[in-house]
Amino acid sequence: MTKVYSPNKNFNGVVANVTFVEGVGETNSPYSLDYFKRKGYTIKNNEKKDEENKGQSNDLDNMDLKELKALAKEQGVKGYSNMGKQKLISKLEAR
């Protein structure tokens, strides 16, 4: 898992389907990691690239429709607002 450090070291909550406790969360999702990088979070990867991508589909499956649409918008997926969950997952996995 890749560790993600929030700019707020005391943050407890969920962002992009990643749970943070005292400013630290973990994810394997490249989409979430890209989001966190753009938002100024610190990313620390201690595993190999292949292991990082393991479970990517699972992360998307665990996201709700609102989160998937937000991610699709960030990724520039055309027509995302009219898509259902499975279609969004397919489009995001294809990127």
Protein backbone atom coordinates (compact mmCIF):
# COMPACT_ATOMS: atom_id res chain seq x y z
CA MET A 1 0.00 0.00 0.00
CA THR A 2 1.06 3.55 -0.67
CA LYS A 3 0.85 5.94 2.26
CA VAL A 4 -0.80 9.31 1.74
CA TYR A 5 -0.14 12.18 4.15
CA SER A 6 -2.70 14.96 4.45
CA PRO A 7 -1.53 18.59 4.56
CA ASN A 8 -3.45 18.72 7.87
CA LYS A 9 -1.56 16.36 10.18
CA ASN A 10 -4.59 16.05 12.50
CA PHE A 11 -7.14 15.21 9.79
CA ASN A 12 -9.48 12.30 10.50
CA GLY A 13 -11.97 11.43 7.78
CA VAL A 14 -12.46 10.06 4.28
CA VAL A 15 -11.26 11.65 1.03
CA ALA A 16 -11.49 9.95 -2.39
CA ASN A 17 -12.54 6.70 -0.68
CA VAL A 18 -9.39 6.72 1.50
CA THR A 19 -9.74 6.79 5.28
CA PHE A 20 -7.31 9.11 7.09
CA VAL A 21 -6.39 8.82 10.74
CA GLU A 22 -4.24 11.61 12.17
CA GLY A 23 -3.41 12.78 8.66
CA VAL A 24 -2.33 9.39 7.24
CA GLY A 25 -4.20 7.16 4.79
CA GLU A 26 -3.32 4.26 2.48
CA THR A 27 -4.42 3.32 -1.03
CA ASN A 28 -3.38 1.37 -4.11
CA SER A 29 -5.64 3.31 -6.47
CA PRO A 30 -3.65 5.24 -9.08
CA TYR A 31 -6.67 7.52 -9.57
CA SER A 32 -6.78 8.44 -5.90
CA LEU A 33 -3.01 8.86 -5.79
CA ASP A 34 -3.14 11.20 -8.78
CA TYR A 35 -5.89 13.21 -7.05
CA PHE A 36 -3.87 13.48 -3.83
CA LYS A 37 -0.73 14.56 -5.70
CA ARG A 38 -2.66 17.34 -7.44
CA LYS A 39 -4.17 18.48 -4.14
CA GLY A 40 -0.82 18.78 -2.35
CA TYR A 41 -0.80 15.58 -0.29
CA THR A 42 2.51 13.80 0.30
CA ILE A 43 2.77 10.33 -1.25
CA LYS A 44 5.20 7.69 0.05
CA ASN A 45 5.42 4.40 -1.83
CA ASN A 46 7.38 1.59 -0.21
CA GLU A 47 6.31 -1.17 -2.59
CA LYS A 48 7.02 -2.14 -6.18
CA LYS A 49 4.93 -0.61 -8.99
CA ASP A 50 3.22 -3.93 -9.83
CA GLU A 51 2.06 -4.35 -6.26
CA GLU A 52 0.78 -0.77 -6.25
CA ASN A 53 -1.64 -1.48 -9.08
CA LYS A 54 -2.98 -4.67 -7.46
CA GLY A 55 -6.55 -4.09 -6.29
CA GLN A 56 -7.19 -1.01 -8.44
CA SER A 57 -10.48 -2.42 -9.66
CA ASN A 58 -11.49 -3.23 -6.08
CA ASP A 59 -10.95 0.41 -5.06
CA LEU A 60 -13.25 1.60 -7.84
CA ASP A 61 -15.87 -1.03 -6.94
CA ASN A 62 -15.86 0.25 -3.36
CA MET A 63 -16.52 3.87 -4.42
CA ASP A 64 -20.08 5.15 -4.57
CA LEU A 65 -21.56 6.74 -7.70
CA LYS A 66 -20.93 10.30 -6.51
CA GLU A 67 -17.24 9.57 -5.87
CA LEU A 68 -16.88 7.82 -9.24
CA LYS A 69 -18.44 10.79 -11.04
CA ALA A 70 -16.08 13.20 -9.26
CA LEU A 71 -13.11 11.06 -10.25
CA ALA A 72 -14.37 10.74 -13.84
CA LYS A 73 -14.73 14.52 -14.05
CA GLU A 74 -11.15 14.97 -12.81
CA GLN A 75 -9.91 12.40 -15.32
CA GLY A 76 -11.73 14.10 -18.20
CA VAL A 77 -14.16 11.27 -18.98
CA LYS A 78 -16.71 12.56 -21.50
CA GLY A 79 -20.38 11.96 -20.70
CA TYR A 80 -19.64 10.86 -17.12
CA SER A 81 -22.67 12.65 -15.66
CA ASN A 82 -25.11 10.31 -17.45
CA MET A 83 -23.25 7.06 -16.72
CA GLY A 84 -24.05 4.40 -14.15
CA LYS A 85 -21.55 2.90 -11.72
CA GLN A 86 -20.39 -0.04 -13.89
CA LYS A 87 -19.96 2.13 -17.00
CA LEU A 88 -17.93 4.66 -15.00
CA ILE A 89 -15.72 1.91 -13.60
CA SER A 90 -15.13 0.55 -17.11
CA LYS A 91 -14.21 4.00 -18.45
CA LEU A 92 -11.90 4.75 -15.52
CA GLU A 93 -10.16 1.37 -15.75
CA ALA A 94 -9.54 1.96 -19.46
CA ARG A 95 -7.56 5.15 -18.74
